[in-house]
N, C-alpha and C. Protein backbone atom coordinates (compact mmCIF):
# COMPACT_ATOMS: atom_id res chain seq x y z
N MET A 1 27.98 -9.11 -41.34
CA MET A 1 28.27 -10.19 -40.42
C MET A 1 28.14 -11.50 -41.18
N PRO A 2 29.10 -12.41 -40.98
CA PRO A 2 29.02 -13.71 -41.67
C PRO A 2 27.79 -14.48 -41.21
N ARG A 3 27.26 -15.25 -42.12
CA ARG A 3 26.06 -16.04 -41.81
C ARG A 3 26.41 -17.50 -41.74
N ARG A 4 25.67 -18.19 -40.91
CA ARG A 4 25.80 -19.64 -40.77
C ARG A 4 24.47 -20.27 -41.11
N GLN A 5 24.51 -21.33 -41.87
CA GLN A 5 23.27 -21.98 -42.25
C GLN A 5 22.80 -22.91 -41.15
N THR A 6 21.48 -22.94 -40.99
CA THR A 6 20.87 -23.87 -40.05
C THR A 6 19.61 -24.42 -40.70
N THR A 7 19.20 -25.57 -40.27
CA THR A 7 18.03 -26.21 -40.85
C THR A 7 17.00 -26.44 -39.76
N ILE A 8 15.75 -26.10 -40.08
CA ILE A 8 14.65 -26.38 -39.16
C ILE A 8 13.52 -27.01 -39.95
N ARG A 9 12.72 -27.80 -39.27
CA ARG A 9 11.56 -28.42 -39.90
C ARG A 9 10.31 -27.68 -39.44
N LEU A 10 9.49 -27.29 -40.43
CA LEU A 10 8.27 -26.56 -40.16
C LEU A 10 7.10 -27.25 -40.84
N THR A 11 5.92 -27.04 -40.30
CA THR A 11 4.74 -27.61 -40.96
C THR A 11 4.50 -26.88 -42.28
N GLU A 12 3.80 -27.55 -43.17
CA GLU A 12 3.51 -26.94 -44.47
C GLU A 12 2.71 -25.65 -44.31
N SER A 13 1.76 -25.69 -43.40
CA SER A 13 0.92 -24.50 -43.22
C SER A 13 1.75 -23.31 -42.71
N LEU A 14 2.74 -23.57 -41.85
CA LEU A 14 3.58 -22.49 -41.35
C LEU A 14 4.47 -21.95 -42.47
N VAL A 15 5.01 -22.85 -43.28
CA VAL A 15 5.84 -22.41 -44.41
C VAL A 15 4.99 -21.57 -45.38
N ASP A 16 3.76 -22.01 -45.65
CA ASP A 16 2.87 -21.25 -46.53
C ASP A 16 2.60 -19.86 -45.95
N GLU A 17 2.37 -19.80 -44.66
CA GLU A 17 2.12 -18.51 -44.01
C GLU A 17 3.34 -17.61 -44.09
N LEU A 18 4.51 -18.16 -43.82
CA LEU A 18 5.74 -17.39 -43.92
C LEU A 18 5.96 -16.89 -45.35
N ASP A 19 5.69 -17.74 -46.33
CA ASP A 19 5.84 -17.35 -47.73
C ASP A 19 4.89 -16.21 -48.09
N ARG A 20 3.64 -16.29 -47.63
CA ARG A 20 2.68 -15.22 -47.91
C ARG A 20 3.15 -13.90 -47.29
N GLU A 21 3.58 -13.97 -46.05
CA GLU A 21 4.05 -12.75 -45.37
C GLU A 21 5.27 -12.17 -46.07
N ALA A 22 6.19 -13.05 -46.46
CA ALA A 22 7.41 -12.59 -47.16
C ALA A 22 7.04 -11.95 -48.50
N ASP A 23 6.14 -12.59 -49.22
CA ASP A 23 5.71 -12.04 -50.51
C ASP A 23 5.08 -10.65 -50.34
N GLU A 24 4.27 -10.49 -49.30
CA GLU A 24 3.64 -9.20 -49.04
C GLU A 24 4.68 -8.10 -48.80
N GLN A 25 5.80 -8.49 -48.23
CA GLN A 25 6.87 -7.52 -47.93
C GLN A 25 7.89 -7.42 -49.06
N GLY A 26 7.76 -8.31 -50.05
CA GLY A 26 8.70 -8.29 -51.17
C GLY A 26 10.08 -8.79 -50.81
N ILE A 27 10.14 -9.73 -49.87
CA ILE A 27 11.43 -10.28 -49.44
C ILE A 27 11.36 -11.81 -49.50
N THR A 28 12.50 -12.45 -49.33
CA THR A 28 12.54 -13.91 -49.33
C THR A 28 12.04 -14.46 -48.00
N ARG A 29 11.69 -15.72 -48.03
CA ARG A 29 11.27 -16.38 -46.78
C ARG A 29 12.39 -16.32 -45.76
N SER A 30 13.63 -16.59 -46.20
CA SER A 30 14.77 -16.57 -45.28
C SER A 30 14.94 -15.20 -44.62
N GLU A 31 14.83 -14.14 -45.43
CA GLU A 31 14.96 -12.80 -44.88
C GLU A 31 13.83 -12.52 -43.88
N HIS A 32 12.64 -12.96 -44.22
CA HIS A 32 11.50 -12.76 -43.32
C HIS A 32 11.73 -13.48 -41.99
N ILE A 33 12.21 -14.68 -42.04
CA ILE A 33 12.49 -15.43 -40.80
C ILE A 33 13.58 -14.73 -40.01
N ARG A 34 14.63 -14.22 -40.68
CA ARG A 34 15.68 -13.48 -39.97
C ARG A 34 15.10 -12.24 -39.28
N GLN A 35 14.18 -11.54 -39.97
CA GLN A 35 13.56 -10.37 -39.36
C GLN A 35 12.76 -10.75 -38.11
N ILE A 36 11.99 -11.81 -38.23
CA ILE A 36 11.18 -12.28 -37.09
C ILE A 36 12.09 -12.60 -35.91
N LEU A 37 13.17 -13.30 -36.17
CA LEU A 37 14.08 -13.68 -35.09
C LEU A 37 14.79 -12.45 -34.50
N SER A 38 15.12 -11.49 -35.34
CA SER A 38 15.76 -10.27 -34.84
C SER A 38 14.81 -9.45 -33.98
N GLU A 39 13.54 -9.43 -34.36
CA GLU A 39 12.56 -8.62 -33.64
C GLU A 39 12.22 -9.19 -32.27
N ARG A 40 12.53 -10.45 -32.03
CA ARG A 40 12.18 -11.04 -30.74
C ARG A 40 12.90 -10.32 -29.61
N HIS A 41 14.13 -9.88 -29.85
CA HIS A 41 14.87 -9.14 -28.83
C HIS A 41 14.20 -7.78 -28.59
N GLU A 42 13.83 -7.09 -29.66
CA GLU A 42 13.17 -5.80 -29.53
C GLU A 42 11.87 -5.94 -28.75
N THR A 43 11.13 -7.02 -28.99
CA THR A 43 9.88 -7.25 -28.30
C THR A 43 10.12 -7.40 -26.80
N THR A 44 11.15 -8.14 -26.44
CA THR A 44 11.49 -8.33 -25.02
C THR A 44 11.87 -7.00 -24.37
N VAL A 45 12.71 -6.24 -25.06
CA VAL A 45 13.14 -4.94 -24.53
C VAL A 45 11.94 -4.02 -24.37
N ASN A 46 11.07 -3.99 -25.37
CA ASN A 46 9.88 -3.13 -25.29
C ASN A 46 8.95 -3.57 -24.17
N ALA A 47 8.81 -4.87 -23.97
CA ALA A 47 7.96 -5.36 -22.88
C ALA A 47 8.52 -4.94 -21.53
N GLN A 48 9.84 -5.02 -21.38
CA GLN A 48 10.46 -4.60 -20.13
C GLN A 48 10.28 -3.10 -19.92
N ARG A 49 10.44 -2.33 -20.98
CA ARG A 49 10.26 -0.88 -20.88
C ARG A 49 8.82 -0.55 -20.52
N LEU A 50 7.87 -1.23 -21.15
CA LEU A 50 6.47 -1.01 -20.84
C LEU A 50 6.17 -1.33 -19.38
N GLU A 51 6.77 -2.40 -18.88
CA GLU A 51 6.56 -2.77 -17.47
C GLU A 51 7.06 -1.67 -16.54
N ARG A 52 8.23 -1.09 -16.86
CA ARG A 52 8.75 0.00 -16.02
C ARG A 52 7.83 1.22 -16.09
N ILE A 53 7.32 1.52 -17.27
CA ILE A 53 6.41 2.66 -17.42
C ILE A 53 5.13 2.42 -16.63
N GLU A 54 4.60 1.20 -16.70
CA GLU A 54 3.39 0.87 -15.93
C GLU A 54 3.64 1.01 -14.44
N ASP A 55 4.80 0.57 -13.97
CA ASP A 55 5.14 0.72 -12.55
C ASP A 55 5.15 2.19 -12.14
N ARG A 56 5.78 3.02 -12.97
CA ARG A 56 5.82 4.45 -12.67
C ARG A 56 4.42 5.03 -12.66
N LEU A 57 3.60 4.63 -13.62
CA LEU A 57 2.23 5.13 -13.68
C LEU A 57 1.46 4.77 -12.42
N HIS A 58 1.61 3.53 -11.96
CA HIS A 58 0.93 3.12 -10.73
C HIS A 58 1.40 3.94 -9.53
N ARG A 59 2.70 4.22 -9.47
CA ARG A 59 3.21 5.05 -8.37
C ARG A 59 2.62 6.45 -8.43
N TYR A 60 2.55 7.01 -9.65
CA TYR A 60 1.95 8.35 -9.80
C TYR A 60 0.48 8.33 -9.44
N GLU A 61 -0.22 7.28 -9.83
CA GLU A 61 -1.65 7.18 -9.47
C GLU A 61 -1.81 7.12 -7.96
N ASP A 62 -0.94 6.34 -7.30
CA ASP A 62 -0.99 6.26 -5.83
C ASP A 62 -0.71 7.62 -5.20
N ARG A 63 0.29 8.33 -5.73
CA ARG A 63 0.61 9.65 -5.19
C ARG A 63 -0.56 10.61 -5.41
N LEU A 64 -1.17 10.53 -6.59
CA LEU A 64 -2.30 11.42 -6.88
C LEU A 64 -3.47 11.13 -5.95
N THR A 65 -3.74 9.87 -5.69
CA THR A 65 -4.81 9.50 -4.76
C THR A 65 -4.52 10.07 -3.37
N ASP A 66 -3.27 9.98 -2.96
CA ASP A 66 -2.88 10.52 -1.66
C ASP A 66 -3.06 12.04 -1.63
N VAL A 67 -2.65 12.70 -2.69
CA VAL A 67 -2.78 14.16 -2.76
C VAL A 67 -4.25 14.56 -2.75
N GLU A 68 -5.07 13.85 -3.50
CA GLU A 68 -6.51 14.16 -3.52
C GLU A 68 -7.11 14.02 -2.12
N SER A 69 -6.70 12.97 -1.42
CA SER A 69 -7.21 12.75 -0.07
C SER A 69 -6.77 13.88 0.86
N ARG A 70 -5.52 14.26 0.76
CA ARG A 70 -5.02 15.36 1.59
C ARG A 70 -5.72 16.67 1.25
N LEU A 71 -5.95 16.87 -0.03
CA LEU A 71 -6.62 18.09 -0.47
C LEU A 71 -8.04 18.16 0.06
N ARG A 72 -8.77 17.07 -0.02
CA ARG A 72 -10.14 17.05 0.52
C ARG A 72 -10.12 17.33 2.03
N HIS A 73 -9.19 16.72 2.72
CA HIS A 73 -9.07 16.93 4.16
C HIS A 73 -8.74 18.39 4.46
N GLN A 74 -7.81 18.95 3.71
CA GLN A 74 -7.39 20.34 3.90
C GLN A 74 -8.55 21.30 3.62
N GLU A 75 -9.30 21.01 2.57
CA GLU A 75 -10.42 21.89 2.22
C GLU A 75 -11.49 21.90 3.30
N HIS A 76 -11.71 20.76 3.92
CA HIS A 76 -12.71 20.71 4.99
C HIS A 76 -12.24 21.45 6.23
N GLN A 77 -10.94 21.41 6.48
CA GLN A 77 -10.43 22.10 7.67
C GLN A 77 -10.28 23.60 7.44
N HIS A 78 -9.85 23.98 6.23
CA HIS A 78 -9.56 25.39 5.95
C HIS A 78 -10.08 25.77 4.57
N PRO A 79 -11.36 26.02 4.44
CA PRO A 79 -11.92 26.34 3.12
C PRO A 79 -11.28 27.56 2.47
N GLN A 80 -10.80 28.51 3.25
CA GLN A 80 -10.22 29.72 2.70
C GLN A 80 -8.86 29.46 2.03
N GLU A 81 -8.22 28.34 2.34
CA GLU A 81 -6.91 28.02 1.77
C GLU A 81 -7.02 27.14 0.52
N ARG A 82 -8.19 26.91 0.03
CA ARG A 82 -8.41 26.00 -1.09
C ARG A 82 -7.52 26.34 -2.29
N GLN A 83 -7.48 27.60 -2.69
CA GLN A 83 -6.72 28.00 -3.86
C GLN A 83 -5.22 27.80 -3.64
N SER A 84 -4.74 28.13 -2.46
CA SER A 84 -3.32 27.95 -2.15
C SER A 84 -2.93 26.48 -2.21
N VAL A 85 -3.73 25.61 -1.65
CA VAL A 85 -3.45 24.17 -1.66
C VAL A 85 -3.47 23.65 -3.09
N SER A 86 -4.44 24.11 -3.89
CA SER A 86 -4.53 23.66 -5.28
C SER A 86 -3.26 24.03 -6.04
N ARG A 87 -2.76 25.22 -5.82
CA ARG A 87 -1.51 25.63 -6.50
C ARG A 87 -0.34 24.75 -6.07
N ARG A 88 -0.26 24.44 -4.79
CA ARG A 88 0.84 23.59 -4.31
C ARG A 88 0.74 22.20 -4.93
N VAL A 89 -0.47 21.68 -5.06
CA VAL A 89 -0.66 20.36 -5.66
C VAL A 89 -0.20 20.38 -7.11
N ILE A 90 -0.59 21.40 -7.85
CA ILE A 90 -0.20 21.51 -9.25
C ILE A 90 1.32 21.57 -9.37
N GLU A 91 1.97 22.36 -8.54
CA GLU A 91 3.43 22.45 -8.56
C GLU A 91 4.07 21.10 -8.21
N TRP A 92 3.50 20.43 -7.24
CA TRP A 92 4.04 19.15 -6.81
C TRP A 92 3.96 18.11 -7.93
N LEU A 93 2.86 18.15 -8.69
CA LEU A 93 2.68 17.17 -9.78
C LEU A 93 3.60 17.42 -10.96
N LYS A 94 4.08 18.63 -11.11
CA LYS A 94 4.99 18.94 -12.21
C LYS A 94 6.29 18.24 -11.94
């Protein structure tokens, strides 16, 4: 892809930090800055994905709490059905 030059002003300490990081990776400062800028999109996508996973986890936790409550209630009403209910819960969670 063709490149276009752009100019930005940075503090000396930031340039020094970027240079150190680039040296550690064996790349130029410009390449390091391009990598940082490219990764910003990946970070956003990963954050959105993590948020969706957390939402699903909370829904599963809520469902599990509900199932546990139902199971305790069922066990108190029908102790002899405990094993049957436990199997249904395990199947439901799969």
